[in-house]
């Protein structure tokens, strides 16, 4: 316990360095040094929590990665422009918001913006729904059914429950709270079930923070050098690598599977763009488009949330053990 506490202190110091040194890099547009900072600090975080509990290790790596990527994203966003983001605004953005666009925080402290309370109420309702699903999972594990069937059913329920709590609950409340502070925050998970294509799903509805980040740091800088298609594919590969850090490294297992999932998604998005350019418009049918999108998001999902991750992180997060 004492060793874990010491590691947590080192982790806090590490992220303190990222955030304050990062603002210097942003002011001077030191993008290469920002990438080096990201790699070095992720390596240090991994070493610090190498022998710690997988959930703690996962959270440390995710937090460090997000802090480092915010430095790179903001540096790219203000490249060639005057930095109008003040230090206090940067600190609040870096620590208190999961999105990757810092510009909305330039109005921090202004009059409250509309739709704040609907976002907060929406988030609270999703947290309640997620907690109810976790309670349901606790009951399902007691059923005298096939062991493997129980594992599949409970794992699916828990993934939905945790997503409701975090993605649609906590992050929606966060967006609403910042709108009350005059920040034009927005839903980072914006009705993904309405998507009628993978392009729409990954680009405008699911994890907008990730799509913002990869667009600003990977796609836009590379598209003029390698072309739109290759830059898009590299953005998906980069997303896969970040998910390897979050899903495979903490449990030291499943390497390559999350990356493969995002390679598949990238290829499918490119296929959609080719079909659209050739006027093959079957995805214009809303029902077909939704079926296509849901199938390709869900069917390869065991690659993303592989068995070891489910067993060592998802189940324990819900207070269950397989």
C-alpha atoms as a PDB file:
ATOM      1  CA  UNK A   1       0.000   0.000   0.000  1.00  0.00           C
ATOM      2  CA  UNK A   2       2.836   2.399   0.854  1.00  0.00           C
ATOM      3  CA  UNK A   3       4.514   1.621  -2.486  1.00  0.00           C
ATOM      4  CA  UNK A   4       1.262   2.252  -4.363  1.00  0.00           C
ATOM      5  CA  UNK A   5       0.835   5.589  -2.590  1.00  0.00           C
ATOM      6  CA  UNK A   6       4.377   6.561  -3.579  1.00  0.00           C
ATOM      7  CA  UNK A   7       3.658   5.615  -7.187  1.00  0.00           C
ATOM      8  CA  UNK A   8       0.532   7.786  -7.110  1.00  0.00           C
ATOM      9  CA  UNK A   9       2.591  10.754  -5.901  1.00  0.00           C
ATOM     10  CA  UNK A  10       5.118  10.220  -8.696  1.00  0.00           C
ATOM     11  CA  UNK A  11       2.224   9.941 -11.155  1.00  0.00           C
ATOM     12  CA  UNK A  12       0.767  13.262  -9.946  1.00  0.00           C
ATOM     13  CA  UNK A  13       4.189  14.909 -10.301  1.00  0.00           C
ATOM     14  CA  UNK A  14       4.583  13.432 -13.790  1.00  0.00           C
ATOM     15  CA  UNK A  15       1.286  14.900 -14.970  1.00  0.00           C
ATOM     16  CA  UNK A  16       2.085  18.205 -13.260  1.00  0.00           C
ATOM     17  CA  UNK A  17       5.232  18.361 -15.415  1.00  0.00           C
ATOM     18  CA  UNK A  18       3.285  17.456 -18.582  1.00  0.00           C
ATOM     19  CA  UNK A  19       0.700  20.186 -18.032  1.00  0.00           C
ATOM     20  CA  UNK A  20       3.030  23.040 -17.068  1.00  0.00           C
ATOM     21  CA  UNK A  21       5.855  22.152 -19.465  1.00  0.00           C
ATOM     22  CA  UNK A  22       3.210  21.519 -22.099  1.00  0.00           C
ATOM     23  CA  UNK A  23       1.978  25.106 -21.927  1.00  0.00           C
ATOM     24  CA  UNK A  24       5.533  26.290 -22.699  1.00  0.00           C
ATOM     25  CA  UNK A  25       5.636  23.921 -25.693  1.00  0.00           C
ATOM     26  CA  UNK A  26       2.250  25.246 -26.861  1.00  0.00           C
ATOM     27  CA  UNK A  27       3.359  28.888 -26.607  1.00  0.00           C
ATOM     28  CA  UNK A  28       6.489  28.166 -28.641  1.00  0.00           C
ATOM     29  CA  UNK A  29       4.749  25.670 -30.988  1.00  0.00           C
ATOM     30  CA  UNK A  30       7.253  22.933 -30.093  1.00  0.00           C
ATOM     31  CA  UNK A  31       5.359  20.080 -31.714  1.00  0.00           C
ATOM     32  CA  UNK A  32       8.261  17.641 -32.068  1.00  0.00           C
ATOM     33  CA  UNK A  33       9.197  18.110 -28.402  1.00  0.00           C
ATOM     34  CA  UNK A  34       5.519  17.624 -27.513  1.00  0.00           C
ATOM     35  CA  UNK A  35       5.570  14.200 -29.201  1.00  0.00           C
ATOM     36  CA  UNK A  36       8.775  13.308 -27.365  1.00  0.00           C
ATOM     37  CA  UNK A  37       7.175  14.406 -24.084  1.00  0.00           C
ATOM     38  CA  UNK A  38       4.203  12.112 -24.801  1.00  0.00           C
ATOM     39  CA  UNK A  39       6.346   9.039 -25.506  1.00  0.00           C
ATOM     40  CA  UNK A  40       8.675   9.578 -22.537  1.00  0.00           C
ATOM     41  CA  UNK A  41       5.905  10.202 -20.002  1.00  0.00           C
ATOM     42  CA  UNK A  42       3.842   7.181 -21.137  1.00  0.00           C
ATOM     43  CA  UNK A  43       6.959   5.038 -20.734  1.00  0.00           C
ATOM     44  CA  UNK A  44       7.513   6.436 -17.224  1.00  0.00           C
ATOM     45  CA  UNK A  45       3.854   5.878 -16.263  1.00  0.00           C
ATOM     46  CA  UNK A  46       4.066   2.286 -17.469  1.00  0.00           C
ATOM     47  CA  UNK A  47       7.198   1.686 -15.395  1.00  0.00           C
ATOM     48  CA  UNK A  48       5.667   3.299 -12.304  1.00  0.00           C
ATOM     49  CA  UNK A  49       2.617   1.014 -12.395  1.00  0.00           C
ATOM     50  CA  UNK A  50       4.288  -2.033 -13.924  1.00  0.00           C
ATOM     51  CA  UNK A  51       3.398  -4.294 -10.997  1.00  0.00           C
ATOM     52  CA  UNK A  52       0.284  -2.486  -9.803  1.00  0.00           C
ATOM     53  CA  UNK A  53      -3.327  -3.642 -10.150  1.00  0.00           C
ATOM     54  CA  UNK A  54      -4.424  -3.545 -13.851  1.00  0.00           C
ATOM     55  CA  UNK A  55      -7.247  -1.054 -13.263  1.00  0.00           C
ATOM     56  CA  UNK A  56      -4.883   1.404 -11.568  1.00  0.00           C
ATOM     57  CA  UNK A  57      -2.318   0.922 -14.317  1.00  0.00           C
ATOM     58  CA  UNK A  58      -4.960   1.481 -17.008  1.00  0.00           C
ATOM     59  CA  UNK A  59      -6.176   4.725 -15.418  1.00  0.00           C
ATOM     60  CA  UNK A  60      -2.618   6.026 -15.020  1.00  0.00           C
ATOM     61  CA  UNK A  61      -1.709   5.304 -18.639  1.00  0.00           C
ATOM     62  CA  UNK A  62      -4.950   6.796 -19.982  1.00  0.00           C
ATOM     63  CA  UNK A  63      -4.580   9.978 -17.906  1.00  0.00           C
ATOM     64  CA  UNK A  64      -0.944  10.437 -18.933  1.00  0.00           C
ATOM     65  CA  UNK A  65      -1.732   9.764 -22.591  1.00  0.00           C
ATOM     66  CA  UNK A  66      -4.619  12.230 -22.600  1.00  0.00           C
ATOM     67  CA  UNK A  67      -2.497  14.935 -20.948  1.00  0.00           C
ATOM     68  CA  UNK A  68       0.295  14.445 -23.474  1.00  0.00           C
ATOM     69  CA  UNK A  69      -2.071  14.355 -26.451  1.00  0.00           C
ATOM     70  CA  UNK A  70      -3.716  17.585 -25.286  1.00  0.00           C
ATOM     71  CA  UNK A  71      -0.350  19.320 -25.477  1.00  0.00           C
ATOM     72  CA  UNK A  72       0.185  18.093 -29.049  1.00  0.00           C
ATOM     73  CA  UNK A  73      -3.381  18.830 -30.151  1.00  0.00           C
ATOM     74  CA  UNK A  74      -3.434  22.365 -28.751  1.00  0.00           C
ATOM     75  CA  UNK A  75       0.032  23.114 -30.147  1.00  0.00           C
ATOM     76  CA  UNK A  76      -1.178  22.007 -33.596  1.00  0.00           C
ATOM     77  CA  UNK A  77      -4.447  23.949 -33.215  1.00  0.00           C
ATOM     78  CA  UNK A  78      -2.691  27.263 -32.518  1.00  0.00           C
ATOM     79  CA  UNK A  79       0.168  26.730 -34.979  1.00  0.00           C
ATOM     80  CA  UNK A  80       0.607  29.917 -37.007  1.00  0.00           C
ATOM     81  CA  UNK A  81      -1.868  31.779 -34.795  1.00  0.00           C
ATOM     82  CA  UNK A  82      -1.635  33.988 -31.746  1.00  0.00           C
ATOM     83  CA  UNK A  83      -2.062  31.968 -28.544  1.00  0.00           C
ATOM     84  CA  UNK A  84      -5.152  33.462 -26.904  1.00  0.00           C
ATOM     85  CA  UNK A  85      -5.506  30.631 -24.386  1.00  0.00           C
ATOM     86  CA  UNK A  86      -4.389  31.880 -20.966  1.00  0.00           C
ATOM     87  CA  UNK A  87      -2.522  29.688 -18.496  1.00  0.00           C
ATOM     88  CA  UNK A  88      -5.490  29.347 -16.114  1.00  0.00           C
ATOM     89  CA  UNK A  89      -7.754  28.428 -19.055  1.00  0.00           C
ATOM     90  CA  UNK A  90      -5.218  25.841 -20.219  1.00  0.00           C
ATOM     91  CA  UNK A  91      -4.988  24.334 -16.728  1.00  0.00           C
ATOM     92  CA  UNK A  92      -8.766  24.008 -16.413  1.00  0.00           C
ATOM     93  CA  UNK A  93      -9.031  22.528 -19.900  1.00  0.00           C
ATOM     94  CA  UNK A  94      -6.139  20.104 -19.373  1.00  0.00           C
ATOM     95  CA  UNK A  95      -7.403  18.808 -16.032  1.00  0.00           C
ATOM     96  CA  UNK A  96     -11.171  19.196 -16.201  1.00  0.00           C
ATOM     97  CA  UNK A  97     -12.381  18.377 -19.710  1.00  0.00           C
ATOM     98  CA  UNK A  98     -12.099  15.194 -21.784  1.00  0.00           C
ATOM     99  CA  UNK A  99     -12.396  16.946 -25.161  1.00  0.00           C
ATOM    100  CA  UNK A 100      -9.406  17.971 -27.247  1.00  0.00           C
ATOM    101  CA  UNK A 101     -10.412  21.437 -28.488  1.00  0.00           C
ATOM    102  CA  UNK A 102      -9.124  24.116 -26.112  1.00  0.00           C
ATOM    103  CA  UNK A 103     -10.675  27.105 -27.900  1.00  0.00           C
ATOM    104  CA  UNK A 104     -14.052  26.862 -26.082  1.00  0.00           C
ATOM    105  CA  UNK A 105     -12.231  27.465 -22.780  1.00  0.00           C
ATOM    106  CA  UNK A 106     -11.153  30.927 -23.916  1.00  0.00           C
ATOM    107  CA  UNK A 107     -14.593  32.093 -22.730  1.00  0.00           C
ATOM    108  CA  UNK A 108     -14.301  30.484 -19.299  1.00  0.00           C
ATOM    109  CA  UNK A 109     -16.157  32.621 -16.748  1.00  0.00           C
ATOM    110  CA  UNK A 110     -18.580  34.167 -19.237  1.00  0.00           C
ATOM    111  CA  UNK A 111     -22.369  33.995 -18.913  1.00  0.00           C
ATOM    112  CA  UNK A 112     -23.931  30.493 -18.717  1.00  0.00           C
ATOM    113  CA  UNK A 113     -24.794  28.947 -22.065  1.00  0.00           C
ATOM    114  CA  UNK A 114     -28.129  27.275 -22.922  1.00  0.00           C
ATOM    115  CA  UNK A 115     -28.829  23.517 -22.709  1.00  0.00           C
ATOM    116  CA  UNK A 116     -26.574  23.044 -19.679  1.00  0.00           C
ATOM    117  CA  UNK A 117     -29.197  21.540 -17.384  1.00  0.00           C
ATOM    118  CA  UNK A 118     -30.670  19.210 -20.046  1.00  0.00           C
ATOM    119  CA  UNK A 119     -27.135  17.795 -20.512  1.00  0.00           C
ATOM    120  CA  UNK A 120     -26.759  17.355 -16.756  1.00  0.00           C
ATOM    121  CA  UNK A 121     -30.145  15.650 -16.410  1.00  0.00           C
ATOM    122  CA  UNK A 122     -29.336  13.435 -19.403  1.00  0.00           C
ATOM    123  CA  UNK A 123     -26.046  12.405 -17.781  1.00  0.00           C
ATOM    124  CA  UNK A 124     -27.675  11.618 -14.424  1.00  0.00           C
ATOM    125  CA  UNK A 125     -30.299   9.422 -16.129  1.00  0.00           C
ATOM    126  CA  UNK A 126     -27.564   7.474 -17.971  1.00  0.00           C
ATOM    127  CA  UNK A 127     -25.597   6.907 -14.768  1.00  0.00           C
ATOM    128  CA  UNK A 128     -28.728   5.520 -13.117  1.00  0.00           C
ATOM    129  CA  UNK A 129     -29.355   3.264 -16.125  1.00  0.00           C
ATOM    130  CA  UNK A 130     -25.761   2.033 -16.013  1.00  0.00           C
ATOM    131  CA  UNK A 131     -25.937   1.258 -12.292  1.00  0.00           C
ATOM    132  CA  UNK A 132     -29.175  -0.676 -12.827  1.00  0.00           C
ATOM    133  CA  UNK A 133     -27.482  -2.750 -15.523  1.00  0.00           C
ATOM    134  CA  UNK A 134     -24.616  -3.521 -13.147  1.00  0.00           C
ATOM    135  CA  UNK A 135     -27.167  -4.705 -10.566  1.00  0.00           C
ATOM    136  CA  UNK A 136     -28.712  -6.859 -13.289  1.00  0.00           C
ATOM    137  CA  UNK A 137     -25.296  -8.348 -14.072  1.00  0.00           C
ATOM    138  CA  UNK A 138     -24.858  -9.264 -10.400  1.00  0.00           C
ATOM    139  CA  UNK A 139     -28.086 -11.246 -10.619  1.00  0.00           C
ATOM    140  CA  UNK A 140     -27.289 -12.914 -13.944  1.00  0.00           C
ATOM    141  CA  UNK A 141     -24.046 -14.415 -12.591  1.00  0.00           C
ATOM    142  CA  UNK A 142     -26.124 -16.294 -10.011  1.00  0.00           C
ATOM    143  CA  UNK A 143     -28.207 -18.080 -12.639  1.00  0.00           C
ATOM    144  CA  UNK A 144     -27.558 -21.819 -13.116  1.00  0.00           C
ATOM    145  CA  UNK A 145     -26.678 -21.397 -16.782  1.00  0.00           C
ATOM    146  CA  UNK A 146     -23.707 -22.455 -18.872  1.00  0.00           C
ATOM    147  CA  UNK A 147     -20.501 -20.840 -17.562  1.00  0.00           C
ATOM    148  CA  UNK A 148     -19.409 -19.506 -20.964  1.00  0.00           C
ATOM    149  CA  UNK A 149     -22.878 -18.171 -21.758  1.00  0.00           C
ATOM    150  CA  UNK A 150     -22.934 -16.316 -18.421  1.00  0.00           C
ATOM    151  CA  UNK A 151     -19.533 -14.791 -19.219  1.00  0.00           C
ATOM    152  CA  UNK A 152     -20.653 -13.552 -22.649  1.00  0.00           C
ATOM    153  CA  UNK A 153     -23.965 -12.123 -21.409  1.00  0.00           C
ATOM    154  CA  UNK A 154     -22.547 -10.438 -18.319  1.00  0.00           C
ATOM    155  CA  UNK A 155     -19.564  -9.014 -20.232  1.00  0.00           C
ATOM    156  CA  UNK A 156     -21.894  -7.464 -22.825  1.00  0.00           C
ATOM    157  CA  UNK A 157     -24.129  -5.985 -20.118  1.00  0.00           C
ATOM    158  CA  UNK A 158     -21.160  -4.579 -18.216  1.00  0.00           C
ATOM    159  CA  UNK A 159     -19.643  -2.952 -21.316  1.00  0.00           C
ATOM    160  CA  UNK A 160     -22.941  -1.196 -22.004  1.00  0.00           C
ATOM    161  CA  UNK A 161     -23.326  -0.249 -18.331  1.00  0.00           C
ATOM    162  CA  UNK A 162     -19.831   1.233 -17.990  1.00  0.00           C
ATOM    163  CA  UNK A 163     -20.245   3.113 -21.265  1.00  0.00           C
ATOM    164  CA  UNK A 164     -23.538   4.592 -20.045  1.00  0.00           C
ATOM    165  CA  UNK A 165     -21.919   5.676 -16.772  1.00  0.00           C
ATOM    166  CA  UNK A 166     -18.751   7.185 -18.264  1.00  0.00           C
ATOM    167  CA  UNK A 167     -19.397   8.159 -21.877  1.00  0.00           C
ATOM    168  CA  UNK A 168     -23.026   9.224 -21.637  1.00  0.00           C
ATOM    169  CA  UNK A 169     -23.235   9.959 -17.918  1.00  0.00           C
ATOM    170  CA  UNK A 170     -20.160  11.563 -16.397  1.00  0.00           C
ATOM    171  CA  UNK A 171     -19.006  13.229 -19.617  1.00  0.00           C
ATOM    172  CA  UNK A 172     -22.481  14.655 -20.319  1.00  0.00           C
ATOM    173  CA  UNK A 173     -22.664  16.087 -16.799  1.00  0.00           C
ATOM    174  CA  UNK A 174     -19.176  17.522 -17.307  1.00  0.00           C
ATOM    175  CA  UNK A 175     -20.258  19.220 -20.547  1.00  0.00           C
ATOM    176  CA  UNK A 176     -23.315  20.705 -18.843  1.00  0.00           C
ATOM    177  CA  UNK A 177     -21.320  21.966 -15.873  1.00  0.00           C
ATOM    178  CA  UNK A 178     -18.802  23.711 -18.129  1.00  0.00           C
ATOM    179  CA  UNK A 179     -21.626  25.333 -20.106  1.00  0.00           C
ATOM    180  CA  UNK A 180     -22.778  26.854 -16.819  1.00  0.00           C
ATOM    181  CA  UNK A 181     -19.290  28.424 -16.643  1.00  0.00           C
ATOM    182  CA  UNK A 182     -19.599  29.990 -20.096  1.00  0.00           C
ATOM    183  CA  UNK A 183     -17.623  27.292 -21.927  1.00  0.00           C
ATOM    184  CA  UNK A 184     -19.158  26.045 -25.168  1.00  0.00           C
ATOM    185  CA  UNK A 185     -18.708  22.391 -24.180  1.00  0.00           C
ATOM    186  CA  UNK A 186     -20.577  19.729 -26.124  1.00  0.00           C
ATOM    187  CA  UNK A 187     -21.545  16.066 -25.949  1.00  0.00           C
ATOM    188  CA  UNK A 188     -18.534  13.921 -26.770  1.00  0.00           C
ATOM    189  CA  UNK A 189     -20.803  10.946 -27.472  1.00  0.00           C
ATOM    190  CA  UNK A 190     -23.558  12.376 -29.621  1.00  0.00           C
ATOM    191  CA  UNK A 191     -26.399   9.888 -30.262  1.00  0.00           C
ATOM    192  CA  UNK A 192     -24.205   7.240 -31.952  1.00  0.00           C
ATOM    193  CA  UNK A 193     -27.202   4.973 -32.661  1.00  0.00           C
ATOM    194  CA  UNK A 194     -28.392   7.560 -35.179  1.00  0.00           C
ATOM    195  CA  UNK A 195     -25.356   6.863 -37.370  1.00  0.00           C
ATOM    196  CA  UNK A 196     -26.135   5.493 -40.823  1.00  0.00           C
ATOM    197  CA  UNK A 197     -22.497   4.988 -41.816  1.00  0.00           C
ATOM    198  CA  UNK A 198     -19.173   4.230 -40.164  1.00  0.00           C
ATOM    199  CA  UNK A 199     -17.901   7.575 -41.444  1.00  0.00           C
ATOM    200  CA  UNK A 200     -20.629   9.339 -39.477  1.00  0.00           C
ATOM    201  CA  UNK A 201     -20.189   7.074 -36.443  1.00  0.00           C
ATOM    202  CA  UNK A 202     -16.432   7.582 -36.056  1.00  0.00           C
ATOM    203  CA  UNK A 203     -16.264  11.137 -37.339  1.00  0.00           C
ATOM    204  CA  UNK A 204     -19.213  12.916 -35.747  1.00  0.00           C
ATOM    205  CA  UNK A 205     -20.915  10.788 -33.107  1.00  0.00           C
ATOM    206  CA  UNK A 206     -18.671   8.359 -31.190  1.00  0.00           C
ATOM    207  CA  UNK A 207     -15.870   9.712 -28.998  1.00  0.00           C
ATOM    208  CA  UNK A 208     -15.615  13.112 -30.638  1.00  0.00           C
ATOM    209  CA  UNK A 209     -12.548  13.826 -28.478  1.00  0.00           C
ATOM    210  CA  UNK A 210     -10.692  11.049 -30.299  1.00  0.00           C
ATOM    211  CA  UNK A 211     -11.860  12.159 -33.752  1.00  0.00           C
ATOM    212  CA  UNK A 212     -10.825  15.752 -32.948  1.00  0.00           C
ATOM    213  CA  UNK A 213      -7.448  14.582 -31.710  1.00  0.00           C
ATOM    214  CA  UNK A 214      -6.617  12.340 -34.663  1.00  0.00           C
ATOM    215  CA  UNK A 215      -7.928  14.891 -37.170  1.00  0.00           C
ATOM    216  CA  UNK A 216      -5.760  17.677 -35.746  1.00  0.00           C
ATOM    217  CA  UNK A 217      -2.583  15.708 -34.958  1.00  0.00           C
ATOM    218  CA  UNK A 218      -2.510  13.004 -37.649  1.00  0.00           C
ATOM    219  CA  UNK A 219      -4.921  13.513 -40.556  1.00  0.00           C
ATOM    220  CA  UNK A 220      -4.490  17.235 -41.274  1.00  0.00           C
ATOM    221  CA  UNK A 221      -0.660  17.357 -40.982  1.00  0.00           C
ATOM    222  CA  UNK A 222      -0.265  14.247 -43.189  1.00  0.00           C
ATOM    223  CA  UNK A 223      -2.959  14.546 -45.869  1.00  0.00           C
ATOM    224  CA  UNK A 224      -0.954  16.971 -48.020  1.00  0.00           C
ATOM    225  CA  UNK A 225       2.049  14.636 -47.835  1.00  0.00           C
ATOM    226  CA  UNK A 226       0.511  11.187 -48.283  1.00  0.00           C
ATOM    227  CA  UNK A 227      -3.008  11.899 -49.545  1.00  0.00           C
ATOM    228  CA  UNK A 228      -6.411  11.780 -47.861  1.00  0.00           C
ATOM    229  CA  UNK A 229      -6.806   7.995 -47.938  1.00  0.00           C
ATOM    230  CA  UNK A 230      -3.419   7.174 -46.427  1.00  0.00           C
ATOM    231  CA  UNK A 231      -3.748   9.953 -43.846  1.00  0.00           C
ATOM    232  CA  UNK A 232      -7.162   8.627 -42.814  1.00  0.00           C
ATOM    233  CA  UNK A 233      -5.773   5.109 -42.485  1.00  0.00           C
ATOM    234  CA  UNK A 234      -2.842   6.365 -40.405  1.00  0.00           C
ATOM    235  CA  UNK A 235      -5.297   8.176 -38.122  1.00  0.00           C
ATOM    236  CA  UNK A 236      -7.155   4.911 -37.493  1.00  0.00           C
ATOM    237  CA  UNK A 237      -3.874   3.063 -36.926  1.00  0.00           C
ATOM    238  CA  UNK A 238      -2.860   5.718 -34.403  1.00  0.00           C
ATOM    239  CA  UNK A 239      -6.216   5.274 -32.639  1.00  0.00           C
ATOM    240  CA  UNK A 240      -5.514   1.553 -32.529  1.00  0.00           C
ATOM    241  CA  UNK A 241      -2.115   2.126 -30.940  1.00  0.00           C
ATOM    242  CA  UNK A 242      -3.614   4.370 -28.268  1.00  0.00           C
ATOM    243  CA  UNK A 243      -6.208   1.691 -27.520  1.00  0.00           C
ATOM    244  CA  UNK A 244      -3.383  -0.837 -27.205  1.00  0.00           C
ATOM    245  CA  UNK A 245      -1.995   1.365 -24.434  1.00  0.00           C
ATOM    246  CA  UNK A 246      -5.375   1.510 -22.698  1.00  0.00           C
ATOM    247  CA  UNK A 247      -6.635  -2.044 -23.224  1.00  0.00           C
ATOM    248  CA  UNK A 248      -3.665  -4.379 -23.764  1.00  0.00           C
ATOM    249  CA  UNK A 249      -0.747  -2.904 -21.814  1.00  0.00           C
ATOM    250  CA  UNK A 250      -2.552  -2.809 -18.426  1.00  0.00           C
ATOM    251  CA  UNK A 251      -3.257  -6.564 -18.577  1.00  0.00           C
ATOM    252  CA  UNK A 252      -0.092  -7.437 -20.550  1.00  0.00           C
ATOM    253  CA  UNK A 253      -2.189  -9.428 -22.999  1.00  0.00           C
ATOM    254  CA  UNK A 254      -4.146  -9.136 -26.230  1.00  0.00           C
ATOM    255  CA  UNK A 255      -1.469  -7.182 -28.052  1.00  0.00           C
ATOM    256  CA  UNK A 256      -2.377  -6.362 -31.642  1.00  0.00           C
ATOM    257  CA  UNK A 257      -6.096  -7.047 -31.284  1.00  0.00           C
ATOM    258  CA  UNK A 258      -7.289  -3.456 -30.634  1.00  0.00           C
ATOM    259  CA  UNK A 259      -4.985  -2.276 -33.430  1.00  0.00           C
ATOM    260  CA  UNK A 260      -6.537  -4.834 -35.792  1.00  0.00           C
ATOM    261  CA  UNK A 261     -10.014  -3.621 -34.825  1.00  0.00           C
ATOM    262  CA  UNK A 262      -9.176  -0.054 -35.858  1.00  0.00           C
ATOM    263  CA  UNK A 263      -7.427  -1.174 -39.039  1.00  0.00           C
ATOM    264  CA  UNK A 264     -10.670  -2.939 -39.999  1.00  0.00           C
ATOM    265  CA  UNK A 265     -12.669   0.219 -39.199  1.00  0.00           C
ATOM    266  CA  UNK A 266     -10.313   2.368 -41.263  1.00  0.00           C
ATOM    267  CA  UNK A 267     -10.551   0.046 -44.260  1.00  0.00           C
ATOM    268  CA  UNK A 268     -14.336   0.030 -44.031  1.00  0.00           C
ATOM    269  CA  UNK A 269     -14.504   3.840 -43.867  1.00  0.00           C
ATOM    270  CA  UNK A 270     -12.301   4.002 -46.977  1.00  0.00           C
ATOM    271  CA  UNK A 271     -14.637   1.521 -48.689  1.00  0.00           C
ATOM    272  CA  UNK A 272     -17.581   3.778 -47.824  1.00  0.00           C
ATOM    273  CA  UNK A 273     -15.800   6.736 -49.407  1.00  0.00           C
ATOM    274  CA  UNK A 274     -15.053   4.741 -52.571  1.00  0.00           C
ATOM    275  CA  UNK A 275     -18.680   3.595 -52.821  1.00  0.00           C
ATOM    276  CA  UNK A 276     -19.846   7.173 -52.375  1.00  0.00           C
ATOM    277  CA  UNK A 277     -17.455   8.471 -55.052  1.00  0.00           C
ATOM    278  CA  UNK A 278     -18.768   5.864 -57.499  1.00  0.00           C
ATOM    279  CA  UNK A 279     -22.367   6.846 -56.710  1.00  0.00           C
ATOM    280  CA  UNK A 280     -23.076   3.433 -55.165  1.00  0.00           C
ATOM    281  CA  UNK A 281     -25.475   4.783 -52.605  1.00  0.00           C
ATOM    282  CA  UNK A 282     -26.965   1.756 -50.802  1.00  0.00           C
ATOM    283  CA  UNK A 283     -25.955   3.321 -47.477  1.00  0.00           C
ATOM    284  CA  UNK A 284     -28.307   6.218 -48.218  1.00  0.00           C
ATOM    285  CA  UNK A 285     -31.082   3.897 -47.109  1.00  0.00           C
ATOM    286  CA  UNK A 286     -31.309   4.691 -43.393  1.00  0.00           C
ATOM    287  CA  UNK A 287     -32.231   1.162 -42.305  1.00  0.00           C
ATOM    288  CA  UNK A 288     -29.506  -0.505 -44.369  1.00  0.00           C
ATOM    289  CA  UNK A 289     -27.015   2.124 -43.231  1.00  0.00           C
ATOM    290  CA  UNK A 290     -27.796   1.539 -39.554  1.00  0.00           C
ATOM    291  CA  UNK A 291     -27.559  -2.246 -39.925  1.00  0.00           C
ATOM    292  CA  UNK A 292     -24.244  -1.910 -41.780  1.00  0.00           C
ATOM    293  CA  UNK A 293     -22.842   0.449 -39.132  1.00  0.00           C
ATOM    294  CA  UNK A 294     -23.968  -1.526 -36.075  1.00  0.00           C
ATOM    295  CA  UNK A 295     -22.768  -4.818 -37.545  1.00  0.00           C
ATOM    296  CA  UNK A 296     -19.248  -3.586 -38.292  1.00  0.00           C
ATOM    297  CA  UNK A 297     -18.919  -1.761 -34.976  1.00  0.00           C
ATOM    298  CA  UNK A 298     -20.125  -4.715 -32.886  1.00  0.00           C
ATOM    299  CA  UNK A 299     -19.109  -7.876 -34.796  1.00  0.00           C
ATOM    300  CA  UNK A 300     -15.322  -7.401 -34.440  1.00  0.00           C
ATOM    301  CA  UNK A 301     -15.642  -5.959 -30.910  1.00  0.00           C
ATOM    302  CA  UNK A 302     -14.047  -9.041 -29.230  1.00  0.00           C
ATOM    303  CA  UNK A 303     -10.819  -7.838 -30.858  1.00  0.00           C
ATOM    304  CA  UNK A 304     -11.105  -4.521 -29.053  1.00  0.00           C
ATOM    305  CA  UNK A 305     -12.330  -5.779 -25.686  1.00  0.00           C
ATOM    306  CA  UNK A 306     -10.360  -8.996 -25.561  1.00  0.00           C
ATOM    307  CA  UNK A 307     -10.874 -11.693 -22.939  1.00  0.00           C
ATOM    308  CA  UNK A 308      -8.077 -10.672 -20.581  1.00  0.00           C
ATOM    309  CA  UNK A 309      -9.244  -7.051 -20.502  1.00  0.00           C
ATOM    310  CA  UNK A 310     -12.811  -8.145 -19.772  1.00  0.00           C
ATOM    311  CA  UNK A 311     -11.708 -10.519 -17.009  1.00  0.00           C
ATOM    312  CA  UNK A 312      -9.130  -8.337 -15.252  1.00  0.00           C
ATOM    313  CA  UNK A 313     -10.674  -4.891 -15.671  1.00  0.00           C
ATOM    314  CA  UNK A 314     -14.332  -4.821 -16.782  1.00  0.00           C
ATOM    315  CA  UNK A 315     -15.629  -7.414 -14.302  1.00  0.00           C
ATOM    316  CA  UNK A 316     -13.652  -6.067 -11.302  1.00  0.00           C
ATOM    317  CA  UNK A 317     -14.811  -2.506 -12.081  1.00  0.00           C
ATOM    318  CA  UNK A 318     -18.355  -3.774 -11.551  1.00  0.00           C
ATOM    319  CA  UNK A 319     -17.414  -5.638  -8.379  1.00  0.00           C
ATOM    320  CA  UNK A 320     -17.487  -9.054 -10.071  1.00  0.00           C
ATOM    321  CA  UNK A 321     -14.910 -11.780 -10.597  1.00  0.00           C
ATOM    322  CA  UNK A 322     -14.968 -14.397 -13.315  1.00  0.00           C
END
